[in-house]
Amino acid sequence: MRKTLKTMILTTMLVLAMGATCFANPSDDLSKSLLSAGVPSSYVGTVSEYLQKTKISESQYNTAKSKLDQAKAIIGNTKDLSSLSSDQKSEVMSLAREGGNALGLTVKFGKDNQGRTTLVATDANGGTVLKMSTADGAANFDLGSVVAALQEMVEFSNSSNKGEFTPVGGTMTKTATEYGNMMLAGAMLVAFAGGIFVVSKRRTA
């Protein structure tokens, strides 16, 4: 009897563990890191969609990370990018273009109708992947968040589950959650039913 109960418990734990693995949402961490890095919520989905179509290699990551490190040396602990000198801003923008190029993106800077500096990143086909201005966090810039976002981008782009998410309104939603829940519930029912059957059989024996 005790052995049967132990078997039931272990089986249930195994099913739950498998379910947790299946339902892990890699896009959640990516979305949070992009938002923390100052990416507008309306472009979280387009960045994620771009990453679904490409894989960032270790070499690409190292190049982009190197550009961020060089930018860090220029920016230092400054949180307000507007306080940088014109030369410093030019150097940082040049590094941003080089870093974007390493990830397969073309980065261009311009001005919006309010005179604010804008950054637009496009893919090889000219599609806009990201657009943001100095209003999106330049006054409280955190390079550490950008580095963290880059790491999440690499992980997501190489995830085997990245194709299960669909951009919806700038965010990413999982397309197979209902089926996964049904599979988990079914597996748990089978585990319990099997245990009950064994117990009942022993009692009637």
Protein backbone atom coordinates (compact mmCIF):
# COMPACT_ATOMS: atom_id res chain seq x y z
CA MET A 1 0.00 0.00 0.00
CA ARG A 2 2.74 2.45 0.98
CA LYS A 3 4.74 1.54 -2.10
CA THR A 4 1.71 2.26 -4.28
CA LEU A 5 1.16 5.65 -2.67
CA LYS A 6 4.81 6.53 -3.15
CA THR A 7 4.54 5.54 -6.79
CA MET A 8 1.46 7.73 -7.23
CA ILE A 9 3.17 10.72 -5.59
CA LEU A 10 6.35 10.33 -7.64
CA THR A 11 4.34 9.95 -10.85
CA THR A 12 2.32 13.07 -10.09
CA MET A 13 5.46 15.05 -9.29
CA LEU A 14 7.04 13.91 -12.54
CA VAL A 15 3.98 14.93 -14.55
CA LEU A 16 3.90 18.33 -12.86
CA ALA A 17 7.60 18.85 -13.53
CA MET A 18 7.14 17.96 -17.18
CA GLY A 19 4.17 20.29 -17.37
CA ALA A 20 6.12 23.16 -15.86
CA THR A 21 8.86 22.64 -18.44
CA CYS A 22 6.38 22.51 -21.31
CA PHE A 23 4.62 25.68 -20.20
CA ALA A 24 7.75 27.75 -19.58
CA ASN A 25 7.23 30.93 -21.58
CA PRO A 26 10.59 32.21 -22.90
CA SER A 27 8.86 35.30 -24.28
CA ASP A 28 7.96 36.51 -20.77
CA ASP A 29 11.59 37.06 -19.78
CA LEU A 30 12.33 38.63 -23.15
CA SER A 31 9.40 41.04 -22.90
CA LYS A 32 10.33 42.12 -19.38
CA SER A 33 13.97 42.68 -20.31
CA LEU A 34 13.07 44.70 -23.41
CA LEU A 35 10.71 46.92 -21.43
CA SER A 36 13.37 47.41 -18.74
CA ALA A 37 15.82 48.46 -21.46
CA GLY A 38 13.43 51.21 -22.58
CA VAL A 39 11.90 49.49 -25.59
CA PRO A 40 8.36 50.88 -26.13
CA SER A 41 5.70 48.27 -25.37
CA SER A 42 4.32 48.70 -28.89
CA TYR A 43 7.58 47.30 -30.31
CA VAL A 44 8.15 44.37 -27.96
CA GLY A 45 6.20 42.15 -30.34
CA THR A 46 8.07 43.27 -33.47
CA VAL A 47 11.45 42.68 -31.82
CA SER A 48 10.29 39.24 -30.70
CA GLU A 49 8.99 38.46 -34.18
CA TYR A 50 12.35 39.43 -35.68
CA LEU A 51 14.11 37.07 -33.28
CA GLN A 52 11.76 34.26 -34.31
CA LYS A 53 13.08 34.59 -37.85
CA THR A 54 16.76 34.65 -36.99
CA LYS A 55 19.34 33.18 -34.65
CA ILE A 56 21.93 35.32 -32.94
CA SER A 57 25.24 33.48 -32.93
CA GLU A 58 27.85 33.65 -30.20
CA SER A 59 30.05 35.68 -32.55
CA GLN A 60 27.27 38.19 -33.16
CA TYR A 61 26.60 38.45 -29.45
CA ASN A 62 30.27 39.02 -28.65
CA THR A 63 30.49 41.79 -31.25
CA ALA A 64 27.34 43.52 -30.00
CA LYS A 65 28.44 43.11 -26.36
CA SER A 66 31.83 44.63 -27.25
CA LYS A 67 30.08 47.71 -28.65
CA LEU A 68 28.04 48.02 -25.46
CA ASP A 69 31.21 47.78 -23.38
CA GLN A 70 32.78 50.57 -25.43
CA ALA A 71 29.64 52.66 -24.96
CA LYS A 72 29.85 52.00 -21.21
CA ALA A 73 33.38 53.40 -21.19
CA ILE A 74 32.04 56.61 -22.75
CA ILE A 75 28.83 56.93 -20.76
CA GLY A 76 30.26 55.85 -17.42
CA ASN A 77 27.67 56.10 -14.64
CA THR A 78 25.72 58.83 -16.38
CA LYS A 79 21.98 58.19 -16.30
CA ASP A 80 20.97 61.21 -18.41
CA LEU A 81 22.24 60.78 -21.98
CA SER A 82 21.32 64.38 -22.79
CA SER A 83 24.18 65.48 -20.53
CA LEU A 84 26.78 63.90 -22.81
CA SER A 85 28.85 66.12 -25.05
CA SER A 86 28.20 66.22 -28.80
CA ASP A 87 31.31 64.13 -29.45
CA GLN A 88 30.29 61.56 -26.87
CA LYS A 89 26.79 61.32 -28.34
CA SER A 90 28.25 60.82 -31.83
CA GLU A 91 30.53 58.04 -30.56
CA VAL A 92 27.66 56.28 -28.76
CA MET A 93 25.41 56.50 -31.83
CA SER A 94 28.20 55.10 -34.01
CA LEU A 95 28.62 52.18 -31.61
CA ALA A 96 24.84 51.64 -31.64
CA ARG A 97 24.91 51.41 -35.44
CA GLU A 98 27.78 48.93 -35.35
CA GLY A 99 26.11 46.87 -32.64
CA GLY A 100 22.84 46.79 -34.56
CA ASN A 101 24.67 45.75 -37.70
CA ALA A 102 26.19 42.81 -35.80
CA LEU A 103 22.62 41.63 -35.07
CA GLY A 104 21.53 42.01 -38.70
CA LEU A 105 19.83 45.36 -38.15
CA THR A 106 20.34 48.76 -39.75
CA VAL A 107 20.24 51.49 -37.10
CA LYS A 108 19.60 55.09 -38.08
CA PHE A 109 19.22 58.22 -36.01
CA GLY A 110 17.08 61.24 -36.81
CA LYS A 111 14.75 63.82 -35.31
CA ASP A 112 11.02 63.67 -34.71
CA ASN A 113 8.62 66.60 -35.12
CA GLN A 114 9.38 67.68 -31.56
CA GLY A 115 13.11 67.82 -32.15
CA ARG A 116 13.86 64.70 -30.13
CA THR A 117 16.51 62.24 -31.30
CA THR A 118 14.98 59.05 -32.67
CA LEU A 119 16.43 55.60 -33.26
CA VAL A 120 14.99 53.36 -35.96
CA ALA A 121 16.19 49.79 -36.47
CA THR A 122 15.19 47.95 -39.64
CA ASP A 123 15.77 44.40 -40.87
CA ALA A 124 17.32 43.29 -44.16
CA ASN A 125 13.98 43.78 -45.94
CA GLY A 126 13.54 47.32 -44.65
CA GLY A 127 10.87 46.39 -42.10
CA THR A 128 10.85 48.43 -38.90
CA VAL A 129 11.84 46.27 -35.94
CA LEU A 130 12.22 49.04 -33.40
CA LYS A 131 11.57 52.75 -33.15
CA MET A 132 12.20 54.84 -30.07
CA SER A 133 13.12 58.39 -29.10
CA THR A 134 14.98 60.13 -26.31
CA ALA A 135 11.64 60.27 -24.53
CA ASP A 136 11.91 56.50 -24.04
CA GLY A 137 14.28 56.37 -21.10
CA ALA A 138 17.17 58.60 -22.18
CA ALA A 139 16.78 60.66 -19.01
CA ASN A 140 17.13 57.54 -16.84
CA PHE A 141 19.31 55.34 -19.02
CA ASP A 142 20.56 52.02 -17.63
CA LEU A 143 23.15 50.27 -19.80
CA GLY A 144 22.98 47.22 -17.55
CA SER A 145 19.36 46.70 -18.61
CA VAL A 146 20.40 46.89 -22.27
CA VAL A 147 23.06 44.21 -21.70
CA ALA A 148 20.49 42.01 -19.94
CA ALA A 149 18.07 42.51 -22.83
CA LEU A 150 20.76 41.50 -25.32
CA GLN A 151 21.36 38.28 -23.40
CA GLU A 152 17.63 37.49 -23.37
CA MET A 153 17.46 38.23 -27.10
CA VAL A 154 20.21 35.69 -27.76
CA GLU A 155 18.50 33.04 -25.62
CA PHE A 156 15.09 33.59 -27.23
CA SER A 157 16.47 33.61 -30.78
CA ASN A 158 18.03 30.20 -30.14
CA SER A 159 15.07 28.73 -28.23
CA SER A 160 13.40 25.68 -29.76
CA ASN A 161 10.04 26.98 -28.47
CA LYS A 162 10.21 30.45 -29.98
CA GLY A 163 7.89 29.49 -32.84
CA GLU A 164 5.01 28.87 -30.40
CA PHE A 165 4.45 32.57 -29.76
CA THR A 166 2.55 35.05 -31.88
CA PRO A 167 2.91 38.85 -31.74
CA VAL A 168 -0.36 40.41 -30.60
CA GLY A 169 -0.60 44.16 -30.01
CA GLY A 170 3.11 44.54 -29.42
CA THR A 171 3.32 41.57 -27.04
CA MET A 172 3.84 37.84 -27.47
CA THR A 173 1.15 35.28 -26.70
CA LYS A 174 1.48 31.51 -26.60
CA THR A 175 -0.52 29.71 -29.27
CA ALA A 176 -0.85 26.25 -27.71
CA THR A 177 -1.55 26.84 -24.03
CA GLU A 178 -5.01 25.24 -24.01
CA TYR A 179 -3.78 22.01 -25.56
CA GLY A 180 -0.88 21.87 -23.13
CA ASN A 181 -3.18 22.29 -20.15
CA MET A 182 -5.44 19.53 -21.46
CA MET A 183 -2.45 17.21 -21.87
CA LEU A 184 -1.27 17.94 -18.33
CA ALA A 185 -4.74 17.36 -16.86
CA GLY A 186 -5.10 14.15 -18.83
CA ALA A 187 -1.71 12.87 -17.70
CA MET A 188 -2.53 13.60 -14.06
CA LEU A 189 -5.87 11.80 -14.34
CA VAL A 190 -4.16 8.77 -15.87
CA ALA A 191 -1.59 8.74 -13.04
CA PHE A 192 -4.26 8.89 -10.31
CA ALA A 193 -6.54 6.43 -12.06
CA GLY A 194 -3.67 3.99 -12.41
CA GLY A 195 -2.87 4.26 -8.70
CA ILE A 196 -6.49 3.82 -7.65
CA PHE A 197 -6.80 0.78 -9.91
CA VAL A 198 -3.78 -0.88 -8.30
CA VAL A 199 -5.07 -0.17 -4.79
CA SER A 200 -8.55 -1.47 -5.61
CA LYS A 201 -7.11 -4.60 -7.21
CA ARG A 202 -5.04 -5.38 -4.12
CA ARG A 203 -8.02 -4.91 -1.80
CA THR A 204 -10.17 -7.29 -3.81
CA ALA A 205 -7.39 -9.87 -4.16
